């Protein structure tokens, strides 16, 4: 009992000494020895951390006194057995002081008494354990896939398929509506559009036919006419590019030998043609280019000992095309055509002439230019739209516009010029309707407005200028298509119909019929 009273007295004296110290901003976990102050020091101070760890391996008797300020940290329980492994050790508890911690100025601590003579303190802070190492075999988390919303990306609108979308013959779209379904001649003009098609087409009135076949690549052959000559077109089409070559030939050579001289005669028939085209798809735009060399009329070459005569008449032209027809609301095409028409006659004559008593062979050369020789440039812009649509019927409205420039060659030995400029537009309407599962009817109408035409002609002292504005006559066409399984027959009644895929319109004063037949695979 005396021993317990002595301990209580020592604790009271230490508390009075701590209250007289100067406070500092931050507490120190363990006070360093400081110079002694002039006050009574206890003969004994309870040790703070001097007990060996072995003293905690068995349960210690409960002390008769516990400092109320020494409150264990939250969640702490006194140890009653050996320490847990490092992996399960809790973080080191913190002290909760009884009142603001003053600066530690305690005197040097005396030597502690043996552990077996003192009861175990109520709380001894435990050093923080070392963190457990991370195992190298920890599972790797699965990669997170973030979905990308492509609905906000800019996507070019594509025309949805329609039950009336099908390949037609030349008689279907006489008015040239840009938004209407393609014809055989439309696809041949841009050969990459022939890819994937398998069909045979025959047009008895216009004497033309075409066939397309192949698996990965499409091969096509077209038989047609160029004036009075047969025109052969052969080409290939791949996924996004295609080309063709075409030719129509009419040549004649005559050689004659006589006793005194030789004679050569050559002729070329009108319609002789050599050309080709290439096209490809760039994004949503169709790009095409074609080039043709044509003999528009019969020409002849004649050679004799005295005379050589040669007519040089030809057309060299081409067309560059940009078009977009897969837009559901607005289809357009830009065509720029250029052509050089040459027309001249060269004559070379030989004759004997006597000059200063000497006999000479004199050669005279003369080139006569035709007044039709010229250069022309024709930009065209065609637009079309499907303005009315249902599952069984459609109506297309279009406008084709051309701005031709024609500059004629100046005549030698003459002071003159001749130029033509103009602006032409052709509104057009095309409608089609399904009359059942095997029959459809179609009709079209158009006319050409000469909005502005200017001609400037000058020869010597004569000057002529003319301006013309005229709305052309309206033409209407009516046709039908009969289809059963893999066969189809088209016919149209018109006064003006397309002569061939590479030709132009021809006028007829009487009603005419154009017929075309398909075999599809």
Protein backbone atom coordinates (compact mmCIF):
# COMPACT_ATOMS: atom_id res chain seq x y z
CA UNK A 1 0.00 0.00 0.00
CA UNK A 2 2.86 2.37 0.79
CA UNK A 3 4.36 1.62 -2.54
CA UNK A 4 1.14 2.59 -4.35
CA UNK A 5 0.89 5.87 -2.46
CA UNK A 6 4.45 6.67 -3.45
CA UNK A 7 3.62 6.15 -7.11
CA UNK A 8 0.60 8.46 -6.87
CA UNK A 9 2.72 11.17 -5.30
CA UNK A 10 5.27 10.96 -8.06
CA UNK A 11 2.57 11.28 -10.78
CA UNK A 12 1.08 14.37 -9.10
CA UNK A 13 4.47 16.06 -8.88
CA UNK A 14 5.16 15.40 -12.58
CA UNK A 15 1.77 16.93 -13.53
CA UNK A 16 2.46 20.15 -11.57
CA UNK A 17 5.88 20.47 -13.21
CA UNK A 18 4.40 20.03 -16.76
CA UNK A 19 1.81 22.81 -16.22
CA UNK A 20 4.52 25.36 -15.47
CA UNK A 21 6.40 24.78 -18.75
CA UNK A 22 6.24 27.14 -21.77
CA UNK A 23 3.91 25.80 -24.53
CA UNK A 24 5.24 25.21 -28.09
CA UNK A 25 3.32 25.00 -31.39
CA UNK A 26 3.80 21.29 -32.07
CA UNK A 27 4.21 18.31 -29.73
CA UNK A 28 7.27 16.09 -29.85
CA UNK A 29 6.75 12.33 -29.69
CA UNK A 30 9.75 11.72 -27.46
CA UNK A 31 11.27 14.52 -25.39
CA UNK A 32 15.01 15.04 -25.60
CA UNK A 33 16.88 15.65 -22.27
CA UNK A 34 16.87 19.35 -21.37
CA UNK A 35 18.59 21.38 -18.61
CA UNK A 36 16.93 20.95 -15.28
CA UNK A 37 14.71 23.71 -13.95
CA UNK A 38 14.80 24.96 -10.40
CA UNK A 39 12.01 22.92 -8.94
CA UNK A 40 11.70 19.75 -7.00
CA UNK A 41 12.13 16.66 -9.05
CA UNK A 42 10.64 13.33 -8.11
CA UNK A 43 12.92 10.61 -7.03
CA UNK A 44 11.39 8.34 -9.59
CA UNK A 45 9.69 8.77 -13.06
CA UNK A 46 7.80 6.04 -14.73
CA UNK A 47 9.68 4.76 -17.80
CA UNK A 48 7.98 5.35 -21.19
CA UNK A 49 9.56 2.84 -23.48
CA UNK A 50 12.16 0.98 -21.56
CA UNK A 51 10.52 -2.39 -21.09
CA UNK A 52 11.91 -5.21 -23.23
CA UNK A 53 9.48 -6.74 -25.79
CA UNK A 54 9.68 -10.11 -24.09
CA UNK A 55 7.68 -8.73 -21.18
CA UNK A 56 4.52 -8.70 -23.39
CA UNK A 57 4.44 -12.30 -24.34
CA UNK A 58 2.14 -13.11 -21.42
CA UNK A 59 -0.80 -11.33 -19.93
CA UNK A 60 0.24 -8.69 -17.41
CA UNK A 61 -1.71 -8.03 -14.18
CA UNK A 62 -4.00 -5.02 -14.35
CA UNK A 63 -2.45 -1.94 -12.69
CA UNK A 64 -4.05 -0.40 -9.66
CA UNK A 65 -3.78 3.04 -11.29
CA UNK A 66 -4.04 4.22 -14.87
CA UNK A 67 -3.43 7.77 -15.99
CA UNK A 68 -6.78 9.11 -17.30
CA UNK A 69 -4.88 11.15 -19.93
CA UNK A 70 -3.37 8.07 -21.47
CA UNK A 71 -6.42 7.05 -23.51
CA UNK A 72 -5.71 4.36 -26.11
CA UNK A 73 -6.30 5.27 -29.80
CA UNK A 74 -9.61 4.33 -31.32
CA UNK A 75 -9.84 0.67 -32.20
CA UNK A 76 -6.91 -0.37 -30.00
CA UNK A 77 -7.12 -3.43 -27.75
CA UNK A 78 -4.40 -4.45 -25.27
CA UNK A 79 -2.31 -7.32 -26.49
CA UNK A 80 -3.00 -10.60 -24.74
CA UNK A 81 -0.90 -12.80 -27.00
CA UNK A 82 2.05 -12.63 -29.33
CA UNK A 83 2.02 -9.96 -32.04
CA UNK A 84 0.25 -10.77 -35.27
CA UNK A 85 2.29 -11.17 -38.45
CA UNK A 86 3.37 -8.04 -40.31
CA UNK A 87 0.72 -8.53 -42.96
CA UNK A 88 -2.08 -8.11 -40.36
CA UNK A 89 -0.53 -5.41 -38.19
CA UNK A 90 -2.62 -2.28 -37.66
CA UNK A 91 -1.14 1.21 -38.04
CA UNK A 92 0.62 2.67 -35.01
CA UNK A 93 -1.89 4.36 -32.61
CA UNK A 94 -1.55 7.99 -31.71
CA UNK A 95 -1.63 9.50 -28.23
CA UNK A 96 -4.52 11.67 -27.15
CA UNK A 97 -3.13 14.23 -24.68
CA UNK A 98 -5.12 15.26 -21.66
CA UNK A 99 -4.58 18.98 -22.38
CA UNK A 100 -2.43 21.08 -24.79
CA UNK A 101 1.01 19.61 -24.84
CA UNK A 102 3.64 21.95 -23.27
CA UNK A 103 7.28 21.99 -24.15
CA UNK A 104 9.03 18.99 -22.68
CA UNK A 105 11.63 20.15 -20.12
CA UNK A 106 11.74 17.07 -17.99
CA UNK A 107 14.95 16.20 -16.15
CA UNK A 108 17.06 13.23 -17.16
CA UNK A 109 15.25 10.05 -16.38
CA UNK A 110 16.69 7.81 -13.70
CA UNK A 111 17.44 4.19 -14.25
CA UNK A 112 14.28 2.08 -14.31
CA UNK A 113 13.59 -0.65 -11.84
CA UNK A 114 13.56 -4.25 -13.03
CA UNK A 115 10.56 -5.15 -15.12
CA UNK A 116 9.50 -7.92 -12.86
CA UNK A 117 8.96 -5.44 -9.98
CA UNK A 118 6.67 -3.05 -12.00
CA UNK A 119 3.22 -3.69 -13.40
CA UNK A 120 2.77 -3.40 -17.19
CA UNK A 121 1.64 0.10 -18.33
CA UNK A 122 -1.84 0.52 -19.69
CA UNK A 123 -0.57 1.40 -23.20
CA UNK A 124 2.76 1.10 -24.99
CA UNK A 125 2.94 2.48 -28.58
CA UNK A 126 3.86 -0.11 -31.12
CA UNK A 127 6.24 0.79 -34.01
CA UNK A 128 4.56 0.95 -37.44
CA UNK A 129 5.12 -2.32 -39.36
CA UNK A 130 6.88 -2.44 -42.69
CA UNK A 131 4.42 -2.59 -45.65
CA UNK A 132 4.01 -6.01 -47.16
CA UNK A 133 5.63 -6.39 -50.62
CA UNK A 134 3.34 -6.53 -53.62
CA UNK A 135 3.32 -9.93 -55.24
CA UNK A 136 4.72 -9.97 -58.77
CA UNK A 137 2.03 -12.42 -59.81
CA UNK A 138 -0.85 -9.99 -59.28
CA UNK A 139 -3.44 -10.43 -62.04
CA UNK A 140 -3.35 -7.86 -64.85
CA UNK A 141 -6.66 -6.01 -65.20
CA UNK A 142 -8.57 -6.44 -68.44
CA UNK A 143 -8.22 -3.49 -70.89
CA UNK A 144 -11.15 -1.16 -70.90
CA UNK A 145 -12.72 -0.76 -74.34
CA UNK A 146 -14.34 2.63 -74.78
CA UNK A 147 -17.08 2.51 -77.41
CA UNK A 148 -16.88 5.21 -80.10
CA UNK A 149 -20.09 6.79 -81.24
CA UNK A 150 -19.77 7.09 -85.02
CA UNK A 151 -23.19 8.65 -85.40
CA UNK A 152 -21.62 12.09 -85.04
CA UNK A 153 -19.10 11.51 -87.83
CA UNK A 154 -19.83 13.32 -91.12
CA UNK A 155 -21.27 10.71 -93.46
CA UNK A 156 -22.27 11.43 -97.01
CA UNK A 157 -25.95 10.60 -97.56
CA UNK A 158 -26.53 7.58 -99.77
CA UNK A 159 -29.65 7.02 -101.83
CA UNK A 160 -31.72 4.16 -100.48
CA UNK A 161 -32.69 1.42 -102.95
CA UNK A 162 -36.11 1.75 -104.49
CA UNK A 163 -38.24 -1.02 -106.03
CA UNK A 164 -38.13 0.84 -109.36
CA UNK A 165 -34.33 1.12 -109.41
CA UNK A 166 -33.15 -0.98 -112.35
CA UNK A 167 -30.94 -0.83 -115.42
CA UNK A 168 -32.74 0.55 -118.47
CA UNK A 169 -32.20 0.77 -122.20
CA UNK A 170 -31.39 3.85 -124.25
CA UNK A 171 -35.06 4.73 -124.81
CA UNK A 172 -35.84 5.18 -121.10
CA UNK A 173 -34.22 8.53 -120.25
CA UNK A 174 -34.29 10.46 -123.51
CA UNK A 175 -34.49 13.81 -121.72
CA UNK A 176 -31.24 13.17 -119.80
CA UNK A 177 -32.58 13.61 -116.27
CA UNK A 178 -29.62 13.43 -113.91
CA UNK A 179 -31.46 11.83 -110.96
CA UNK A 180 -33.13 9.01 -112.92
CA UNK A 181 -31.79 5.43 -112.88
CA UNK A 182 -28.89 4.67 -115.20
CA UNK A 183 -29.16 3.33 -118.71
CA UNK A 184 -26.73 1.02 -120.48
CA UNK A 185 -25.17 3.97 -122.30
CA UNK A 186 -24.79 5.91 -119.02
CA UNK A 187 -22.82 3.07 -117.48
CA UNK A 188 -20.61 2.56 -120.53
CA UNK A 189 -19.78 6.28 -120.55
CA UNK A 190 -18.42 5.84 -116.98
CA UNK A 191 -17.10 2.28 -117.29
CA UNK A 192 -16.43 1.65 -113.60
CA UNK A 193 -20.23 1.56 -113.15
CA UNK A 194 -20.33 -1.66 -115.16
CA UNK A 195 -18.72 -3.56 -112.27
CA UNK A 196 -20.90 -6.35 -110.91
CA UNK A 197 -23.40 -6.32 -113.78
CA UNK A 198 -24.31 -9.42 -115.77
CA UNK A 199 -26.69 -8.91 -118.63
CA UNK A 200 -27.27 -8.94 -122.36
CA UNK A 201 -28.95 -6.00 -124.08
CA UNK A 202 -30.26 -5.78 -127.65
CA UNK A 203 -31.83 -2.85 -129.48
CA UNK A 204 -33.06 -3.92 -132.95
CA UNK A 205 -34.28 -0.53 -134.17
CA UNK A 206 -30.98 1.22 -133.51
CA UNK A 207 -28.90 -1.87 -134.30
CA UNK A 208 -26.91 -1.97 -131.07
CA UNK A 209 -26.20 -4.50 -128.36
CA UNK A 210 -24.08 -5.00 -125.25
CA UNK A 211 -23.06 -7.78 -122.88
CA UNK A 212 -21.41 -7.72 -119.43
CA UNK A 213 -20.01 -10.73 -117.58
CA UNK A 214 -17.39 -11.77 -115.04
CA UNK A 215 -17.00 -12.48 -111.35
CA UNK A 216 -14.39 -10.38 -109.51
CA UNK A 217 -13.83 -8.21 -112.58
CA UNK A 218 -16.49 -7.34 -115.12
CA UNK A 219 -15.81 -7.54 -118.85
CA UNK A 220 -18.13 -5.81 -121.28
CA UNK A 221 -18.47 -5.55 -125.05
CA UNK A 222 -20.77 -3.21 -126.96
CA UNK A 223 -21.61 -3.32 -130.66
CA UNK A 224 -22.93 -0.13 -132.19
CA UNK A 225 -22.65 2.09 -135.24
CA UNK A 226 -20.68 5.22 -136.03
CA UNK A 227 -22.41 6.63 -139.08
CA UNK A 228 -22.22 3.77 -141.56
CA UNK A 229 -19.42 1.93 -139.77
CA UNK A 230 -19.69 -0.66 -137.04
CA UNK A 231 -18.34 0.55 -133.70
CA UNK A 232 -16.76 -1.97 -131.32
CA UNK A 233 -16.33 -1.10 -127.65
CA UNK A 234 -14.51 -3.41 -125.23
CA UNK A 235 -13.62 -2.71 -121.63
CA UNK A 236 -13.12 -3.88 -118.06
CA UNK A 237 -14.52 -2.69 -114.77
CA UNK A 238 -13.10 -3.30 -111.33
CA UNK A 239 -14.40 -2.34 -107.92
CA UNK A 240 -13.80 1.40 -108.29
CA UNK A 241 -12.13 1.89 -111.68
CA UNK A 242 -12.89 0.96 -115.26
CA UNK A 243 -11.88 1.68 -118.83
CA UNK A 244 -12.78 0.89 -122.42
CA UNK A 245 -11.38 1.21 -125.94
CA UNK A 246 -13.50 1.63 -129.05
CA UNK A 247 -12.88 1.75 -132.78
CA UNK A 248 -14.69 2.01 -136.08
CA UNK A 249 -12.54 1.78 -139.23
CA UNK A 250 -13.26 2.53 -142.86
CA UNK A 251 -10.04 2.80 -144.94
CA UNK A 252 -9.30 2.04 -148.59
CA UNK A 253 -6.00 1.92 -150.48
CA UNK A 254 -5.62 1.68 -154.28
CA UNK A 255 -2.29 1.37 -156.09
CA UNK A 256 -1.96 1.40 -159.86
CA UNK A 257 1.05 1.12 -162.11
CA UNK A 258 0.99 2.21 -165.71
CA UNK A 259 3.63 2.21 -168.40
CA UNK A 260 4.56 5.84 -167.85
CA UNK A 261 3.52 6.58 -164.25
CA UNK A 262 2.16 5.29 -160.96
CA UNK A 263 -0.99 6.33 -159.25
CA UNK A 264 -2.06 6.00 -155.62
CA UNK A 265 -5.49 6.68 -154.18
CA UNK A 266 -6.52 6.39 -150.54
CA UNK A 267 -9.85 7.14 -148.95
CA UNK A 268 -11.28 7.22 -145.45
CA UNK A 269 -14.96 6.85 -144.80
CA UNK A 270 -16.86 9.18 -142.54
CA UNK A 271 -17.40 7.74 -139.10
CA UNK A 272 -13.92 6.27 -138.71
CA UNK A 273 -13.22 6.54 -134.99
CA UNK A 274 -10.58 5.57 -132.45
CA UNK A 275 -11.04 6.40 -128.78
CA UNK A 276 -11.19 5.32 -125.20
CA UNK A 277 -12.31 6.28 -121.72
CA UNK A 278 -11.34 5.78 -118.11
CA UNK A 279 -13.34 6.46 -114.97
CA UNK A 280 -13.06 5.84 -111.25
CA UNK A 281 -14.85 6.54 -108.00
CA UNK A 282 -13.26 9.03 -105.61
CA UNK A 283 -15.13 9.01 -102.29
CA UNK A 284 -18.72 9.67 -103.38
CA UNK A 285 -17.79 11.39 -106.67
CA UNK A 286 -17.61 9.70 -110.08
CA UNK A 287 -14.72 10.97 -112.21
CA UNK A 288 -14.42 10.19 -115.92
CA UNK A 289 -12.44 11.21 -118.99
CA UNK A 290 -12.81 10.16 -122.61
CA UNK A 291 -10.95 11.02 -125.82
CA UNK A 292 -11.97 10.36 -129.45
CA UNK A 293 -10.46 10.94 -132.87
CA UNK A 294 -13.16 10.93 -135.57
CA UNK A 295 -13.31 11.36 -139.32
CA UNK A 296 -16.67 13.14 -139.64
CA UNK A 297 -16.92 12.81 -143.43
CA UNK A 298 -15.39 10.97 -146.36
CA UNK A 299 -11.94 12.15 -147.31
CA UNK A 300 -9.56 11.13 -150.04
CA UNK A 301 -5.91 11.17 -150.91
CA UNK A 302 -4.91 11.14 -154.57
CA UNK A 303 -1.42 10.94 -155.94
CA UNK A 304 -0.28 11.04 -159.57
CA UNK A 305 2.92 12.18 -161.22
CA UNK A 306 1.57 15.71 -161.59
CA UNK A 307 -0.82 16.15 -158.65
CA UNK A 308 -1.11 15.20 -155.00
CA UNK A 309 -4.36 16.06 -153.29
CA UNK A 310 -5.15 15.36 -149.65
CA UNK A 311 -8.15 16.35 -147.59
CA UNK A 312 -7.51 16.70 -143.86
CA UNK A 313 -10.84 16.70 -142.06
CA UNK A 314 -11.05 15.35 -138.53
CA UNK A 315 -12.41 15.94 -135.03
CA UNK A 316 -10.31 15.50 -131.91
CA UNK A 317 -12.23 15.91 -128.71
CA UNK A 318 -12.72 14.73 -125.17
CA UNK A 319 -14.90 15.19 -122.11
CA UNK A 320 -14.04 15.48 -118.44
CA UNK A 321 -16.85 14.49 -116.06
CA UNK A 322 -17.57 14.90 -112.37
CA UNK A 323 -20.89 13.51 -111.20
CA UNK A 324 -22.74 12.53 -108.06
CA UNK A 325 -25.91 10.52 -108.50
CA UNK A 326 -26.19 8.65 -105.18
CA UNK A 327 -27.52 11.66 -103.25
CA UNK A 328 -31.15 11.02 -102.29
CA UNK A 329 -32.21 14.66 -102.71
CA UNK A 330 -29.91 16.24 -105.27
CA UNK A 331 -27.97 14.64 -108.13
CA UNK A 332 -25.60 16.64 -110.29
CA UNK A 333 -23.01 16.31 -113.05
CA UNK A 334 -20.39 18.67 -114.41
CA UNK A 335 -19.14 17.98 -117.94
CA UNK A 336 -16.47 19.98 -119.74
CA UNK A 337 -16.15 19.07 -123.40
CA UNK A 338 -13.55 20.40 -125.82
CA UNK A 339 -13.15 19.65 -129.52
CA UNK A 340 -11.01 20.76 -132.41
CA UNK A 341 -12.61 20.48 -135.84
CA UNK A 342 -10.08 20.66 -138.63
CA UNK A 343 -11.11 21.07 -142.28
CA UNK A 344 -8.60 21.90 -145.00
CA UNK A 345 -7.52 20.71 -148.41
CA UNK A 346 -3.89 20.61 -149.44
CA UNK A 347 -3.02 20.39 -153.13
CA UNK A 348 0.46 19.96 -154.59
CA UNK A 349 0.99 20.22 -158.34
CA UNK A 350 4.08 19.72 -160.46
CA UNK A 351 4.66 21.23 -163.90
CA UNK A 352 7.50 21.85 -166.33
CA UNK A 353 8.41 25.46 -166.89
CA UNK A 354 11.13 27.05 -168.98
CA UNK A 355 13.00 29.83 -167.27
CA UNK A 356 15.87 31.61 -169.07
CA UNK A 357 16.05 28.85 -171.61
CA UNK A 358 16.23 26.19 -168.93
CA UNK A 359 13.55 23.61 -168.28
CA UNK A 360 12.52 23.22 -164.62
CA UNK A 361 10.02 21.20 -162.66
CA UNK A 362 8.02 23.70 -160.59
CA UNK A 363 6.02 22.54 -157.56
CA UNK A 364 3.07 24.57 -156.33
CA UNK A 365 1.58 23.92 -152.89
CA UNK A 366 -1.73 25.34 -151.80
CA UNK A 367 -3.71 24.85 -148.57
CA UNK A 368 -7.36 25.81 -148.64
CA UNK A 369 -9.05 26.15 -145.28
CA UNK A 370 -12.70 25.39 -144.89
CA UNK A 371 -14.84 28.00 -143.18
CA UNK A 372 -16.15 25.35 -140.77
CA UNK A 373 -12.78 24.80 -139.03
CA UNK A 374 -13.14 25.84 -135.39
CA UNK A 375 -12.44 25.14 -131.73
CA UNK A 376 -15.29 24.68 -129.28
CA UNK A 377 -15.54 24.50 -125.51
CA UNK A 378 -18.82 23.45 -123.89
CA UNK A 379 -19.22 23.43 -120.09
CA UNK A 380 -22.39 21.66 -118.96
CA UNK A 381 -24.02 21.44 -115.56
CA UNK A 382 -26.97 19.10 -115.05
CA UNK A 383 -29.04 18.73 -111.89
CA UNK A 384 -31.96 16.52 -110.94
CA UNK A 385 -34.07 15.56 -107.96
CA UNK A 386 -36.71 13.01 -107.01
CA UNK A 387 -39.50 15.42 -106.07
CA UNK A 388 -42.32 12.87 -105.61
CA UNK A 389 -41.90 9.29 -104.44
CA UNK A 390 -43.87 6.32 -103.23
CA UNK A 391 -43.28 2.59 -103.29
CA UNK A 392 -44.84 2.27 -106.74
CA UNK A 393 -44.22 5.64 -108.42
CA UNK A 394 -41.66 8.41 -108.77
CA UNK A 395 -41.33 11.75 -110.56
CA UNK A 396 -37.97 13.38 -111.31
CA UNK A 397 -37.43 17.04 -112.12
CA UNK A 398 -34.20 18.20 -113.75
CA UNK A 399 -32.47 21.09 -115.45
CA UNK A 400 -29.61 20.73 -117.93
CA UNK A 401 -27.56 23.81 -118.76
CA UNK A 402 -24.84 24.36 -121.38
CA UNK A 403 -22.63 27.35 -122.13
CA UNK A 404 -20.93 26.79 -125.52
CA UNK A 405 -18.04 28.85 -126.92
CA UNK A 406 -17.15 28.42 -130.61
CA UNK A 407 -14.24 30.24 -132.21
CA UNK A 408 -13.78 29.80 -135.97
CA UNK A 409 -10.39 29.83 -137.64
CA UNK A 410 -9.49 33.07 -139.41
CA UNK A 411 -9.34 32.76 -143.17
CA UNK A 412 -6.00 33.25 -144.79
CA UNK A 413 -5.74 36.21 -147.13
CA UNK A 414 -9.00 37.51 -145.67
CA UNK A 415 -9.61 39.96 -142.89
CA UNK A 416 -12.38 38.44 -140.88
CA UNK A 417 -13.52 36.49 -137.83
CA UNK A 418 -16.51 34.54 -136.64
CA UNK A 419 -17.38 33.65 -133.03
CA UNK A 420 -20.41 32.11 -131.37
CA UNK A 421 -21.43 32.21 -127.70
CA UNK A 422 -24.57 31.02 -126.04
CA UNK A 423 -26.46 29.90 -122.95
CA UNK A 424 -28.88 27.01 -123.27
CA UNK A 425 -31.05 25.37 -120.65
CA UNK A 426 -33.36 22.35 -120.89
CA UNK A 427 -35.91 21.73 -118.11
CA UNK A 428 -37.10 18.14 -118.07
CA UNK A 429 -39.56 15.86 -116.29
CA UNK A 430 -39.48 12.07 -116.05
CA UNK A 431 -42.07 9.91 -114.31
CA UNK A 432 -42.45 6.17 -113.78
CA UNK A 433 -45.05 3.96 -112.16
CA UNK A 434 -45.40 0.24 -111.47
CA UNK A 435 -48.61 -1.17 -112.92
CA UNK A 436 -48.15 -4.56 -111.34
CA UNK A 437 -45.41 -7.01 -110.53
CA UNK A 438 -44.36 -7.33 -114.19
CA UNK A 439 -45.24 -4.03 -115.91
CA UNK A 440 -44.12 -0.45 -115.41
CA UNK A 441 -44.81 2.66 -117.48
CA UNK A 442 -42.63 5.74 -117.90
CA UNK A 443 -42.95 9.09 -119.64
CA UNK A 444 -40.77 12.17 -120.11
CA UNK A 445 -41.01 15.71 -121.44
CA UNK A 446 -38.54 18.49 -122.14
CA UNK A 447 -37.69 21.42 -124.31
CA UNK A 448 -34.59 23.56 -124.85
CA UNK A 449 -34.48 27.26 -124.11
CA UNK A 450 -31.93 29.30 -126.00
CA UNK A 451 -31.63 31.93 -123.30
CA UNK A 452 -28.90 33.80 -125.07
CA UNK A 453 -27.06 33.28 -128.34
CA UNK A 454 -24.62 35.79 -129.79
CA UNK A 455 -22.84 35.59 -133.14
CA UNK A 456 -20.14 37.97 -134.24
CA UNK A 457 -19.12 37.82 -137.91
CA UNK A 458 -16.76 40.10 -139.75
CA UNK A 459 -15.35 39.88 -143.28
CA UNK A 460 -13.40 42.75 -144.75
CA UNK A 461 -15.63 45.77 -144.29
CA UNK A 462 -18.73 43.76 -143.46
CA UNK A 463 -19.71 43.24 -139.82
CA UNK A 464 -22.71 41.20 -138.71
CA UNK A 465 -23.81 40.68 -135.11
CA UNK A 466 -26.91 38.79 -134.07
CA UNK A 467 -28.59 37.95 -130.76
CA UNK A 468 -31.18 35.21 -130.45
CA UNK A 469 -33.52 34.16 -127.62
CA UNK A 470 -35.81 31.23 -128.37
CA UNK A 471 -37.75 28.64 -126.39
CA UNK A 472 -37.75 25.38 -128.25
CA UNK A 473 -40.63 23.03 -128.91
CA UNK A 474 -41.65 20.61 -126.17
CA UNK A 475 -41.21 16.90 -126.86
CA UNK A 476 -43.09 14.19 -124.94
CA UNK A 477 -42.22 10.49 -124.85
CA UNK A 478 -44.23 7.56 -123.52
CA UNK A 479 -42.91 4.07 -122.90
CA UNK A 480 -43.36 0.83 -120.97
CA UNK A 481 -41.27 -2.01 -119.58
CA UNK A 482 -42.43 -5.62 -119.41
CA UNK A 483 -40.39 -7.85 -117.12
CA UNK A 484 -40.73 -11.50 -116.23
CA UNK A 485 -38.07 -13.30 -114.19
CA UNK A 486 -34.74 -12.70 -115.99
CA UNK A 487 -36.12 -11.10 -119.18
CA UNK A 488 -37.29 -7.54 -119.82
CA UNK A 489 -38.58 -5.64 -122.86
CA UNK A 490 -38.70 -1.83 -123.12
CA UNK A 491 -40.30 0.31 -125.80
CA UNK A 492 -40.95 4.01 -126.22
CA UNK A 493 -43.03 6.06 -128.63
CA UNK A 494 -41.38 9.33 -129.56
CA UNK A 495 -40.53 11.72 -132.34
CA UNK A 496 -37.01 12.23 -131.08
CA UNK A 497 -34.92 9.39 -129.69
CA UNK A 498 -31.29 8.57 -129.02
CA UNK A 499 -29.57 7.02 -132.02
CA UNK A 500 -26.75 5.30 -130.09
CA UNK A 501 -24.95 5.60 -126.76
CA UNK A 502 -22.23 7.70 -128.37
CA UNK A 503 -24.37 9.73 -130.77
CA UNK A 504 -26.91 12.51 -130.50
CA UNK A 505 -30.62 13.09 -130.99
CA UNK A 506 -32.19 12.91 -134.42
CA UNK A 507 -35.40 14.58 -135.56
CA UNK A 508 -38.33 12.67 -136.99
CA UNK A 509 -41.52 14.17 -138.31
CA UNK A 510 -43.42 10.95 -137.79
CA UNK A 511 -44.01 8.82 -134.72
CA UNK A 512 -41.17 6.38 -134.12
CA UNK A 513 -40.75 3.38 -131.85
CA UNK A 514 -37.59 2.32 -130.07
CA UNK A 515 -37.38 -1.15 -128.55
CA UNK A 516 -34.78 -2.73 -126.28
CA UNK A 517 -34.59 -6.16 -124.68
CA UNK A 518 -32.69 -7.44 -121.61
CA UNK A 519 -31.55 -10.84 -120.45
CA UNK A 520 -30.34 -10.50 -116.86
CA UNK A 521 -28.31 -12.81 -114.63
